[in-house]
Amino acid sequence: MERKHPSSLLELGWACFEAAAFGRTEHARTIEYYPETALRRIGFQAGGGYDWRLSALETPRETITPWKIVVITGAPSWAAYWAPAMAALPENRSMVVVDRPGYAAS
């Protein structure tokens, strides 16, 4: 199933409105496209005394990998946009993509 990304400012605005109106926390539900063994959504409390709960996508690995790639998305963007690249990573690499506050479940 091909996922459609917003291609214009109007489509992006509509995607944001639709997500807020229906309580959807992800632009594209990654669980529908990728198994839990390839990607999973995690949540954690932000540091620095901020009362923020951040969400991220990560590539679950059974062992610690020599390379861990960390991406903090720009605005406007969602971690789900990185899902194809994350799912294609070899097993000796891991990746975490953090959603900025106000995006996805952050």
PDB file of N, CA and C in Angstrom:
ATOM      1  N   MET A   1       0.843  -1.174   0.000  1.00  0.00           N
ATOM      2  CA  MET A   1       0.000   0.000   0.000  1.00  0.00           C
ATOM      3  C   MET A   1       0.887   1.237   0.000  1.00  0.00           C
ATOM      4  N   GLU A   2       0.730   2.069  -0.963  1.00  0.00           N
ATOM      5  CA  GLU A   2       1.518   3.296  -1.081  1.00  0.00           C
ATOM      6  C   GLU A   2       0.951   4.359  -0.148  1.00  0.00           C
ATOM      7  N   ARG A   3       1.821   5.033   0.578  1.00  0.00           N
ATOM      8  CA  ARG A   3       1.408   6.099   1.471  1.00  0.00           C
ATOM      9  C   ARG A   3       1.515   7.430   0.756  1.00  0.00           C
ATOM     10  N   LYS A   4       0.516   8.281   0.894  1.00  0.00           N
ATOM     11  CA  LYS A   4       0.524   9.591   0.250  1.00  0.00           C
ATOM     12  C   LYS A   4       0.936  10.643   1.270  1.00  0.00           C
ATOM     13  N   HIS A   5       1.937  11.420   0.929  1.00  0.00           N
ATOM     14  CA  HIS A   5       2.375  12.525   1.773  1.00  0.00           C
ATOM     15  C   HIS A   5       1.760  13.818   1.256  1.00  0.00           C
ATOM     16  N   PRO A   6       1.489  14.778   2.152  1.00  0.00           N
ATOM     17  CA  PRO A   6       0.996  16.070   1.674  1.00  0.00           C
ATOM     18  C   PRO A   6       2.012  16.698   0.730  1.00  0.00           C
ATOM     19  N   SER A   7       1.540  17.184  -0.413  1.00  0.00           N
ATOM     20  CA  SER A   7       2.467  17.741  -1.403  1.00  0.00           C
ATOM     21  C   SER A   7       2.325  19.246  -1.551  1.00  0.00           C
ATOM     22  N   SER A   8       1.415  19.846  -0.813  1.00  0.00           N
ATOM     23  CA  SER A   8       1.262  21.297  -0.886  1.00  0.00           C
ATOM     24  C   SER A   8       0.981  21.824   0.514  1.00  0.00           C
ATOM     25  N   LEU A   9       1.081  23.123   0.666  1.00  0.00           N
ATOM     26  CA  LEU A   9       0.812  23.747   1.950  1.00  0.00           C
ATOM     27  C   LEU A   9      -0.637  23.502   2.369  1.00  0.00           C
ATOM     28  N   LEU A  10      -1.547  23.551   1.420  1.00  0.00           N
ATOM     29  CA  LEU A  10      -2.958  23.299   1.716  1.00  0.00           C
ATOM     30  C   LEU A  10      -3.162  21.858   2.207  1.00  0.00           C
ATOM     31  N   GLU A  11      -2.550  20.893   1.533  1.00  0.00           N
ATOM     32  CA  GLU A  11      -2.674  19.497   1.956  1.00  0.00           C
ATOM     33  C   GLU A  11      -2.049  19.279   3.335  1.00  0.00           C
ATOM     34  N   LEU A  12      -0.928  19.944   3.602  1.00  0.00           N
ATOM     35  CA  LEU A  12      -0.280  19.824   4.902  1.00  0.00           C
ATOM     36  C   LEU A  12      -1.180  20.395   5.994  1.00  0.00           C
ATOM     37  N   GLY A  13      -1.760  21.568   5.725  1.00  0.00           N
ATOM     38  CA  GLY A  13      -2.682  22.178   6.683  1.00  0.00           C
ATOM     39  C   GLY A  13      -3.884  21.289   6.949  1.00  0.00           C
ATOM     40  N   TRP A  14      -4.437  20.708   5.877  1.00  0.00           N
ATOM     41  CA  TRP A  14      -5.579  19.811   6.032  1.00  0.00           C
ATOM     42  C   TRP A  14      -5.194  18.580   6.851  1.00  0.00           C
ATOM     43  N   ALA A  15      -4.007  18.024   6.617  1.00  0.00           N
ATOM     44  CA  ALA A  15      -3.550  16.861   7.379  1.00  0.00           C
ATOM     45  C   ALA A  15      -3.443  17.204   8.866  1.00  0.00           C
ATOM     46  N   CYS A  16      -2.935  18.389   9.185  1.00  0.00           N
ATOM     47  CA  CYS A  16      -2.827  18.824  10.584  1.00  0.00           C
ATOM     48  C   CYS A  16      -4.214  18.980  11.207  1.00  0.00           C
ATOM     49  N   PHE A  17      -5.115  19.634  10.479  1.00  0.00           N
ATOM     50  CA  PHE A  17      -6.482  19.838  10.968  1.00  0.00           C
ATOM     51  C   PHE A  17      -7.181  18.496  11.195  1.00  0.00           C
ATOM     52  N   GLU A  18      -7.072  17.614  10.229  1.00  0.00           N
ATOM     53  CA  GLU A  18      -7.715  16.308  10.316  1.00  0.00           C
ATOM     54  C   GLU A  18      -7.178  15.504  11.505  1.00  0.00           C
ATOM     55  N   ALA A  19      -5.871  15.546  11.710  1.00  0.00           N
ATOM     56  CA  ALA A  19      -5.271  14.827  12.836  1.00  0.00           C
ATOM     57  C   ALA A  19      -5.791  15.370  14.162  1.00  0.00           C
ATOM     58  N   ALA A  20      -5.882  16.700  14.281  1.00  0.00           N
ATOM     59  CA  ALA A  20      -6.376  17.306  15.517  1.00  0.00           C
ATOM     60  C   ALA A  20      -7.857  17.009  15.726  1.00  0.00           C
ATOM     61  N   ALA A  21      -8.644  17.092  14.662  1.00  0.00           N
ATOM     62  CA  ALA A  21     -10.091  16.886  14.771  1.00  0.00           C
ATOM     63  C   ALA A  21     -10.449  15.458  15.164  1.00  0.00           C
ATOM     64  N   PHE A  22      -9.686  14.498  14.686  1.00  0.00           N
ATOM     65  CA  PHE A  22     -10.008  13.097  14.944  1.00  0.00           C
ATOM     66  C   PHE A  22      -9.110  12.449  15.989  1.00  0.00           C
ATOM     67  N   GLY A  23      -8.233  13.236  16.617  1.00  0.00           N
ATOM     68  CA  GLY A  23      -7.377  12.711  17.671  1.00  0.00           C
ATOM     69  C   GLY A  23      -6.287  11.776  17.186  1.00  0.00           C
ATOM     70  N   ARG A  24      -5.975  11.862  15.901  1.00  0.00           N
ATOM     71  CA  ARG A  24      -4.923  10.999  15.352  1.00  0.00           C
ATOM     72  C   ARG A  24      -3.569  11.588  15.735  1.00  0.00           C
ATOM     73  N   THR A  25      -2.664  10.758  16.223  1.00  0.00           N
ATOM     74  CA  THR A  25      -1.362  11.266  16.648  1.00  0.00           C
ATOM     75  C   THR A  25      -0.274  11.075  15.612  1.00  0.00           C
ATOM     76  N   GLU A  26      -0.538  10.313  14.563  1.00  0.00           N
ATOM     77  CA  GLU A  26       0.458  10.104  13.522  1.00  0.00           C
ATOM     78  C   GLU A  26      -0.117  10.515  12.176  1.00  0.00           C
ATOM     79  N   HIS A  27       0.718  11.139  11.363  1.00  0.00           N
ATOM     80  CA  HIS A  27       0.280  11.488  10.007  1.00  0.00           C
ATOM     81  C   HIS A  27      -0.064  10.225   9.238  1.00  0.00           C
ATOM     82  N   ALA A  28       0.784   9.243   9.333  1.00  0.00           N
ATOM     83  CA  ALA A  28       0.540   7.938   8.714  1.00  0.00           C
ATOM     84  C   ALA A  28       0.831   6.889   9.772  1.00  0.00           C
ATOM     85  N   ARG A  29      -0.139   6.071  10.079  1.00  0.00           N
ATOM     86  CA  ARG A  29       0.052   5.062  11.129  1.00  0.00           C
ATOM     87  C   ARG A  29       1.073   4.030  10.673  1.00  0.00           C
ATOM     88  N   THR A  30       2.245   4.094  11.239  1.00  0.00           N
ATOM     89  CA  THR A  30       3.331   3.214  10.815  1.00  0.00           C
ATOM     90  C   THR A  30       3.025   1.750  11.086  1.00  0.00           C
ATOM     91  N   ILE A  31       2.209   1.479  12.090  1.00  0.00           N
ATOM     92  CA  ILE A  31       1.893   0.085  12.412  1.00  0.00           C
ATOM     93  C   ILE A  31       1.138  -0.595  11.271  1.00  0.00           C
ATOM     94  N   GLU A  32       0.456   0.172  10.444  1.00  0.00           N
ATOM     95  CA  GLU A  32      -0.268  -0.398   9.308  1.00  0.00           C
ATOM     96  C   GLU A  32       0.674  -0.792   8.172  1.00  0.00           C
ATOM     97  N   TYR A  33       1.853  -0.226   8.144  1.00  0.00           N
ATOM     98  CA  TYR A  33       2.787  -0.454   7.044  1.00  0.00           C
ATOM     99  C   TYR A  33       4.002  -1.282   7.433  1.00  0.00           C
ATOM    100  N   TYR A  34       4.389  -1.244   8.703  1.00  0.00           N
ATOM    101  CA  TYR A  34       5.613  -1.910   9.144  1.00  0.00           C
ATOM    102  C   TYR A  34       5.328  -2.754  10.382  1.00  0.00           C
ATOM    103  N   PRO A  35       5.914  -3.942  10.466  1.00  0.00           N
ATOM    104  CA  PRO A  35       5.701  -4.768  11.664  1.00  0.00           C
ATOM    105  C   PRO A  35       6.447  -4.190  12.870  1.00  0.00           C
ATOM    106  N   GLU A  36       6.021  -4.597  14.057  1.00  0.00           N
ATOM    107  CA  GLU A  36       6.644  -4.144  15.306  1.00  0.00           C
ATOM    108  C   GLU A  36       8.128  -4.508  15.369  1.00  0.00           C
ATOM    109  N   THR A  37       8.550  -5.514  14.624  1.00  0.00           N
ATOM    110  CA  THR A  37       9.963  -5.895  14.612  1.00  0.00           C
ATOM    111  C   THR A  37      10.809  -4.926  13.784  1.00  0.00           C
ATOM    112  N   ALA A  38      10.172  -4.130  12.926  1.00  0.00           N
ATOM    113  CA  ALA A  38      10.901  -3.156  12.102  1.00  0.00           C
ATOM    114  C   ALA A  38      10.883  -1.768  12.728  1.00  0.00           C
ATOM    115  N   LEU A  39       9.726  -1.345  13.230  1.00  0.00           N
ATOM    116  CA  LEU A  39       9.563  -0.016  13.829  1.00  0.00           C
ATOM    117  C   LEU A  39       8.621  -0.099  15.013  1.00  0.00           C
ATOM    118  N   ARG A  40       8.844   0.758  15.981  1.00  0.00           N
ATOM    119  CA  ARG A  40       7.870   0.892  17.060  1.00  0.00           C
ATOM    120  C   ARG A  40       7.887   2.327  17.565  1.00  0.00           C
ATOM    121  N   ARG A  41       6.752   2.765  18.079  1.00  0.00           N
ATOM    122  CA  ARG A  41       6.640   4.109  18.643  1.00  0.00           C
ATOM    123  C   ARG A  41       6.922   4.021  20.132  1.00  0.00           C
ATOM    124  N   ILE A  42       7.749   4.941  20.605  1.00  0.00           N
ATOM    125  CA  ILE A  42       8.076   5.020  22.027  1.00  0.00           C
ATOM    126  C   ILE A  42       7.727   6.419  22.518  1.00  0.00           C
ATOM    127  N   GLY A  43       7.631   6.587  23.808  1.00  0.00           N
ATOM    128  CA  GLY A  43       7.387   7.890  24.409  1.00  0.00           C
ATOM    129  C   GLY A  43       8.291   8.063  25.616  1.00  0.00           C
ATOM    130  N   PHE A  44       8.651   9.298  25.903  1.00  0.00           N
ATOM    131  CA  PHE A  44       9.509   9.561  27.057  1.00  0.00           C
ATOM    132  C   PHE A  44       9.333  11.004  27.505  1.00  0.00           C
ATOM    133  N   GLN A  45       9.681  11.253  28.754  1.00  0.00           N
ATOM    134  CA  GLN A  45       9.590  12.590  29.331  1.00  0.00           C
ATOM    135  C   GLN A  45      10.801  13.409  28.902  1.00  0.00           C
ATOM    136  N   ALA A  46      10.563  14.637  28.450  1.00  0.00           N
ATOM    137  CA  ALA A  46      11.667  15.524  28.061  1.00  0.00           C
ATOM    138  C   ALA A  46      12.467  15.910  29.300  1.00  0.00           C
ATOM    139  N   GLY A  47      13.735  16.148  29.112  1.00  0.00           N
ATOM    140  CA  GLY A  47      14.587  16.570  30.212  1.00  0.00           C
ATOM    141  C   GLY A  47      14.598  18.081  30.375  1.00  0.00           C
ATOM    142  N   GLY A  48      15.485  18.565  31.188  1.00  0.00           N
ATOM    143  CA  GLY A  48      15.668  20.003  31.363  1.00  0.00           C
ATOM    144  C   GLY A  48      14.565  20.687  32.144  1.00  0.00           C
ATOM    145  N   GLY A  49      13.780  19.919  32.891  1.00  0.00           N
ATOM    146  CA  GLY A  49      12.722  20.518  33.687  1.00  0.00           C
ATOM    147  C   GLY A  49      11.464  20.862  32.904  1.00  0.00           C
ATOM    148  N   TYR A  50      11.392  20.470  31.635  1.00  0.00           N
ATOM    149  CA  TYR A  50      10.206  20.750  30.823  1.00  0.00           C
ATOM    150  C   TYR A  50       9.145  19.686  31.072  1.00  0.00           C
ATOM    151  N   ASP A  51       7.910  20.104  31.109  1.00  0.00           N
ATOM    152  CA  ASP A  51       6.799  19.186  31.319  1.00  0.00           C
ATOM    153  C   ASP A  51       6.261  18.705  29.973  1.00  0.00           C
ATOM    154  N   TRP A  52       7.135  18.194  29.145  1.00  0.00           N
ATOM    155  CA  TRP A  52       6.767  17.722  27.810  1.00  0.00           C
ATOM    156  C   TRP A  52       6.902  16.214  27.752  1.00  0.00           C
ATOM    157  N   ARG A  53       5.978  15.605  27.072  1.00  0.00           N
ATOM    158  CA  ARG A  53       6.076  14.178  26.765  1.00  0.00           C
ATOM    159  C   ARG A  53       6.375  14.091  25.282  1.00  0.00           C
ATOM    160  N   LEU A  54       7.493  13.504  24.929  1.00  0.00           N
ATOM    161  CA  LEU A  54       7.906  13.391  23.532  1.00  0.00           C
ATOM    162  C   LEU A  54       7.641  11.984  23.016  1.00  0.00           C
ATOM    163  N   SER A  55       7.400  11.888  21.721  1.00  0.00           N
ATOM    164  CA  SER A  55       7.243  10.578  21.093  1.00  0.00           C
ATOM    165  C   SER A  55       8.288  10.435  20.003  1.00  0.00           C
ATOM    166  N   ALA A  56       8.586   9.200  19.675  1.00  0.00           N
ATOM    167  CA  ALA A  56       9.601   8.923  18.659  1.00  0.00           C
ATOM    168  C   ALA A  56       9.327   7.563  18.037  1.00  0.00           C
ATOM    169  N   LEU A  57       9.885   7.366  16.866  1.00  0.00           N
ATOM    170  CA  LEU A  57       9.922   6.042  16.251  1.00  0.00           C
ATOM    171  C   LEU A  57      11.331   5.513  16.435  1.00  0.00           C
ATOM    172  N   GLU A  58      11.446   4.227  16.701  1.00  0.00           N
ATOM    173  CA  GLU A  58      12.764   3.618  16.823  1.00  0.00           C
ATOM    174  C   GLU A  58      12.782   2.280  16.102  1.00  0.00           C
ATOM    175  N   THR A  59      13.984   1.869  15.740  1.00  0.00           N
ATOM    176  CA  THR A  59      14.172   0.550  15.140  1.00  0.00           C
ATOM    177  C   THR A  59      14.594  -0.388  16.266  1.00  0.00           C
ATOM    178  N   PRO A  60      13.735  -1.314  16.662  1.00  0.00           N
ATOM    179  CA  PRO A  60      14.102  -2.223  17.754  1.00  0.00           C
ATOM    180  C   PRO A  60      15.192  -3.198  17.314  1.00  0.00           C
ATOM    181  N   ARG A  61      16.187  -3.355  18.132  1.00  0.00           N
ATOM    182  CA  ARG A  61      17.278  -4.288  17.860  1.00  0.00           C
ATOM    183  C   ARG A  61      17.490  -5.164  19.082  1.00  0.00           C
ATOM    184  N   GLU A  62      17.886  -6.417  18.866  1.00  0.00           N
ATOM    185  CA  GLU A  62      18.105  -7.343  19.978  1.00  0.00           C
ATOM    186  C   GLU A  62      19.406  -7.059  20.711  1.00  0.00           C
ATOM    187  N   THR A  63      20.397  -6.510  20.009  1.00  0.00           N
ATOM    188  CA  THR A  63      21.677  -6.188  20.638  1.00  0.00           C
ATOM    189  C   THR A  63      22.006  -4.722  20.385  1.00  0.00           C
ATOM    190  N   ILE A  64      22.920  -4.195  21.173  1.00  0.00           N
ATOM    191  CA  ILE A  64      23.368  -2.816  20.982  1.00  0.00           C
ATOM    192  C   ILE A  64      24.133  -2.736  19.668  1.00  0.00           C
ATOM    193  N   THR A  65      23.836  -1.721  18.879  1.00  0.00           N
ATOM    194  CA  THR A  65      24.471  -1.573  17.567  1.00  0.00           C
ATOM    195  C   THR A  65      25.645  -0.605  17.640  1.00  0.00           C
ATOM    196  N   PRO A  66      26.638  -0.750  16.757  1.00  0.00           N
ATOM    197  CA  PRO A  66      27.781   0.158  16.775  1.00  0.00           C
ATOM    198  C   PRO A  66      27.416   1.576  16.323  1.00  0.00           C
ATOM    199  N   TRP A  67      26.350   1.708  15.562  1.00  0.00           N
ATOM    200  CA  TRP A  67      25.909   3.020  15.085  1.00  0.00           C
ATOM    201  C   TRP A  67      24.466   3.247  15.489  1.00  0.00           C
ATOM    202  N   LYS A  68      24.198   4.395  16.097  1.00  0.00           N
ATOM    203  CA  LYS A  68      22.827   4.800  16.418  1.00  0.00           C
ATOM    204  C   LYS A  68      22.616   6.175  15.794  1.00  0.00           C
ATOM    205  N   ILE A  69      21.654   6.262  14.914  1.00  0.00           N
ATOM    206  CA  ILE A  69      21.350   7.507  14.212  1.00  0.00           C
ATOM    207  C   ILE A  69      20.175   8.164  14.921  1.00  0.00           C
ATOM    208  N   VAL A  70      20.321   9.437  15.299  1.00  0.00           N
ATOM    209  CA  VAL A  70      19.256  10.177  15.969  1.00  0.00           C
ATOM    210  C   VAL A  70      18.857  11.347  15.082  1.00  0.00           C
ATOM    211  N   VAL A  71      17.558  11.442  14.794  1.00  0.00           N
ATOM    212  CA  VAL A  71      17.028  12.515  13.947  1.00  0.00           C
ATOM    213  C   VAL A  71      15.955  13.251  14.734  1.00  0.00           C
ATOM    214  N   ILE A  72      16.042  14.571  14.754  1.00  0.00           N
ATOM    215  CA  ILE A  72      14.983  15.406  15.321  1.00  0.00           C
ATOM    216  C   ILE A  72      14.331  16.104  14.141  1.00  0.00           C
ATOM    217  N   THR A  73      13.057  15.841  13.944  1.00  0.00           N
ATOM    218  CA  THR A  73      12.376  16.338  12.751  1.00  0.00           C
ATOM    219  C   THR A  73      12.266  17.855  12.756  1.00  0.00           C
ATOM    220  N   GLY A  74      12.209  18.413  11.563  1.00  0.00           N
ATOM    221  CA  GLY A  74      12.004  19.848  11.400  1.00  0.00           C
ATOM    222  C   GLY A  74      10.525  20.172  11.445  1.00  0.00           C
ATOM    223  N   ALA A  75      10.198  21.394  11.140  1.00  0.00           N
ATOM    224  CA  ALA A  75       8.791  21.804  11.166  1.00  0.00           C
ATOM    225  C   ALA A  75       8.379  22.264   9.783  1.00  0.00           C
ATOM    226  N   PRO A  76       7.315  21.836   9.246  1.00  0.00           N
ATOM    227  CA  PRO A  76       6.468  20.764   9.763  1.00  0.00           C
ATOM    228  C   PRO A  76       6.924  19.422   9.230  1.00  0.00           C
ATOM    229  N   SER A  77       6.996  18.462  10.090  1.00  0.00           N
ATOM    230  CA  SER A  77       7.390  17.116   9.691  1.00  0.00           C
ATOM    231  C   SER A  77       7.019  16.149  10.801  1.00  0.00           C
ATOM    232  N   TRP A  78       6.959  14.885  10.476  1.00  0.00           N
ATOM    233  CA  TRP A  78       6.646  13.830  11.420  1.00  0.00           C
ATOM    234  C   TRP A  78       7.699  12.744  11.295  1.00  0.00           C
ATOM    235  N   ALA A  79       7.890  12.007  12.366  1.00  0.00           N
ATOM    236  CA  ALA A  79       8.824  10.880  12.341  1.00  0.00           C
ATOM    237  C   ALA A  79       8.397   9.837  11.315  1.00  0.00           C
ATOM    238  N   ALA A  80       7.094   9.742  11.069  1.00  0.00           N
ATOM    239  CA  ALA A  80       6.583   8.741  10.124  1.00  0.00           C
ATOM    240  C   ALA A  80       7.179   8.914   8.731  1.00  0.00           C
ATOM    241  N   TYR A  81       7.585  10.125   8.368  1.00  0.00           N
ATOM    242  CA  TYR A  81       8.207  10.341   7.059  1.00  0.00           C
ATOM    243  C   TYR A  81       9.519   9.574   6.926  1.00  0.00           C
ATOM    244  N   TRP A  82      10.166   9.283   8.047  1.00  0.00           N
ATOM    245  CA  TRP A  82      11.444   8.578   8.043  1.00  0.00           C
ATOM    246  C   TRP A  82      11.275   7.067   8.078  1.00  0.00           C
ATOM    247  N   ALA A  83      10.056   6.580   8.213  1.00  0.00           N
ATOM    248  CA  ALA A  83       9.805   5.145   8.367  1.00  0.00           C
ATOM    249  C   ALA A  83      10.411   4.286   7.257  1.00  0.00           C
ATOM    250  N   PRO A  84      10.291   4.647   5.971  1.00  0.00           N
ATOM    251  CA  PRO A  84      10.900   3.794   4.942  1.00  0.00           C
ATOM    252  C   PRO A  84      12.420   3.648   5.107  1.00  0.00           C
ATOM    253  N   ALA A  85      13.101   4.738   5.433  1.00  0.00           N
ATOM    254  CA  ALA A  85      14.553   4.675   5.635  1.00  0.00           C
ATOM    255  C   ALA A  85      14.888   3.851   6.873  1.00  0.00           C
ATOM    256  N   MET A  86      14.089   4.005   7.920  1.00  0.00           N
ATOM    257  CA  MET A  86      14.332   3.259   9.151  1.00  0.00           C
ATOM    258  C   MET A  86      14.150   1.761   8.931  1.00  0.00           C
ATOM    259  N   ALA A  87      13.093   1.385   8.240  1.00  0.00           N
ATOM    260  CA  ALA A  87      12.806  -0.031   8.006  1.00  0.00           C
ATOM    261  C   ALA A  87      13.862  -0.687   7.120  1.00  0.00           C
ATOM    262  N   ALA A  88      14.536   0.105   6.294  1.00  0.00           N
ATOM    263  CA  ALA A  88      15.548  -0.434   5.380  1.00  0.00           C
ATOM    264  C   ALA A  88      16.938  -0.538   6.010  1.00  0.00           C
ATOM    265  N   LEU A  89      17.110  -0.062   7.236  1.00  0.00           N
ATOM    266  CA  LEU A  89      18.427  -0.106   7.881  1.00  0.00           C
ATOM    267  C   LEU A  89      18.887  -1.544   8.107  1.00  0.00           C
ATOM    268  N   PRO A  90      20.185  -1.794   7.948  1.00  0.00           N
ATOM    269  CA  PRO A  90      20.699  -3.122   8.286  1.00  0.00           C
ATOM    270  C   PRO A  90      20.644  -3.336   9.800  1.00  0.00           C
ATOM    271  N   GLU A  91      20.722  -4.572  10.226  1.00  0.00           N
ATOM    272  CA  GLU A  91      20.608  -4.918  11.648  1.00  0.00           C
ATOM    273  C   GLU A  91      21.728  -4.330  12.507  1.00  0.00           C
ATOM    274  N   ASN A  92      22.854  -3.942  11.900  1.00  0.00           N
ATOM    275  CA  ASN A  92      23.947  -3.380  12.703  1.00  0.00           C
ATOM    276  C   ASN A  92      23.839  -1.860  12.849  1.00  0.00           C
ATOM    277  N   ARG A  93      22.693  -1.305  12.500  1.00  0.00           N
ATOM    278  CA  ARG A  93      22.418   0.127  12.680  1.00  0.00           C
ATOM    279  C   ARG A  93      21.075   0.264  13.383  1.00  0.00           C
ATOM    280  N   SER A  94      20.954   1.275  14.217  1.00  0.00           N
ATOM    281  CA  SER A  94      19.656   1.575  14.817  1.00  0.00           C
ATOM    282  C   SER A  94      19.385   3.060  14.643  1.00  0.00           C
ATOM    283  N   MET A  95      18.120   3.420  14.713  1.00  0.00           N
ATOM    284  CA  MET A  95      17.739   4.804  14.436  1.00  0.00           C
ATOM    285  C   MET A  95      16.575   5.196  15.336  1.00  0.00           C
ATOM    286  N   VAL A  96      16.623   6.421  15.814  1.00  0.00           N
ATOM    287  CA  VAL A  96      15.533   7.017  16.578  1.00  0.00           C
ATOM    288  C   VAL A  96      15.196   8.333  15.900  1.00  0.00           C
ATOM    289  N   VAL A  97      13.913   8.536  15.615  1.00  0.00           N
ATOM    290  CA  VAL A  97      13.461   9.801  15.031  1.00  0.00           C
ATOM    291  C   VAL A  97      12.445  10.402  15.991  1.00  0.00           C
ATOM    292  N   VAL A  98      12.789  11.556  16.556  1.00  0.00           N
ATOM    293  CA  VAL A  98      11.975  12.206  17.579  1.00  0.00           C
ATOM    294  C   VAL A  98      11.051  13.227  16.923  1.00  0.00           C
ATOM    295  N   ASP A  99       9.778  13.195  17.320  1.00  0.00           N
ATOM    296  CA  ASP A  99       8.832  14.217  16.881  1.00  0.00           C
ATOM    297  C   ASP A  99       8.955  15.429  17.788  1.00  0.00           C
ATOM    298  N   ARG A 100       8.975  16.603  17.187  1.00  0.00           N
ATOM    299  CA  ARG A 100       9.031  17.835  17.974  1.00  0.00           C
ATOM    300  C   ARG A 100       7.711  18.032  18.710  1.00  0.00           C
ATOM    301  N   PRO A 101       7.712  18.805  19.805  1.00  0.00           N
ATOM    302  CA  PRO A 101       6.459  19.066  20.519  1.00  0.00           C
ATOM    303  C   PRO A 101       5.400  19.637  19.566  1.00  0.00           C
ATOM    304  N   GLY A 102       4.207  19.081  19.662  1.00  0.00           N
ATOM    305  CA  GLY A 102       3.114  19.505  18.799  1.00  0.00           C
ATOM    306  C   GLY A 102       2.921  18.615  17.591  1.00  0.00           C
ATOM    307  N   TYR A 103       3.845  17.705  17.348  1.00  0.00           N
ATOM    308  CA  TYR A 103       3.747  16.789  16.216  1.00  0.00           C
ATOM    309  C   TYR A 103       3.607  15.370  16.737  1.00  0.00           C
ATOM    310  N   ALA A 104       2.818  14.570  16.030  1.00  0.00           N
ATOM    311  CA  ALA A 104       2.526  13.179  16.408  1.00  0.00           C
ATOM    312  C   ALA A 104       2.049  13.148  17.855  1.00  0.00           C
ATOM    313  N   ALA A 105       2.612  12.289  18.684  1.00  0.00           N
ATOM    314  CA  ALA A 105       2.153  12.167  20.073  1.00  0.00           C
ATOM    315  C   ALA A 105       2.993  13.003  21.033  1.00  0.00           C
ATOM    316  N   SER A 106       3.835  13.884  20.523  1.00  0.00           N
ATOM    317  CA  SER A 106       4.654  14.747  21.395  1.00  0.00           C
ATOM    318  C   SER A 106       3.832  15.920  21.898  1.00  0.00           C
TER     319      SER A 106
END
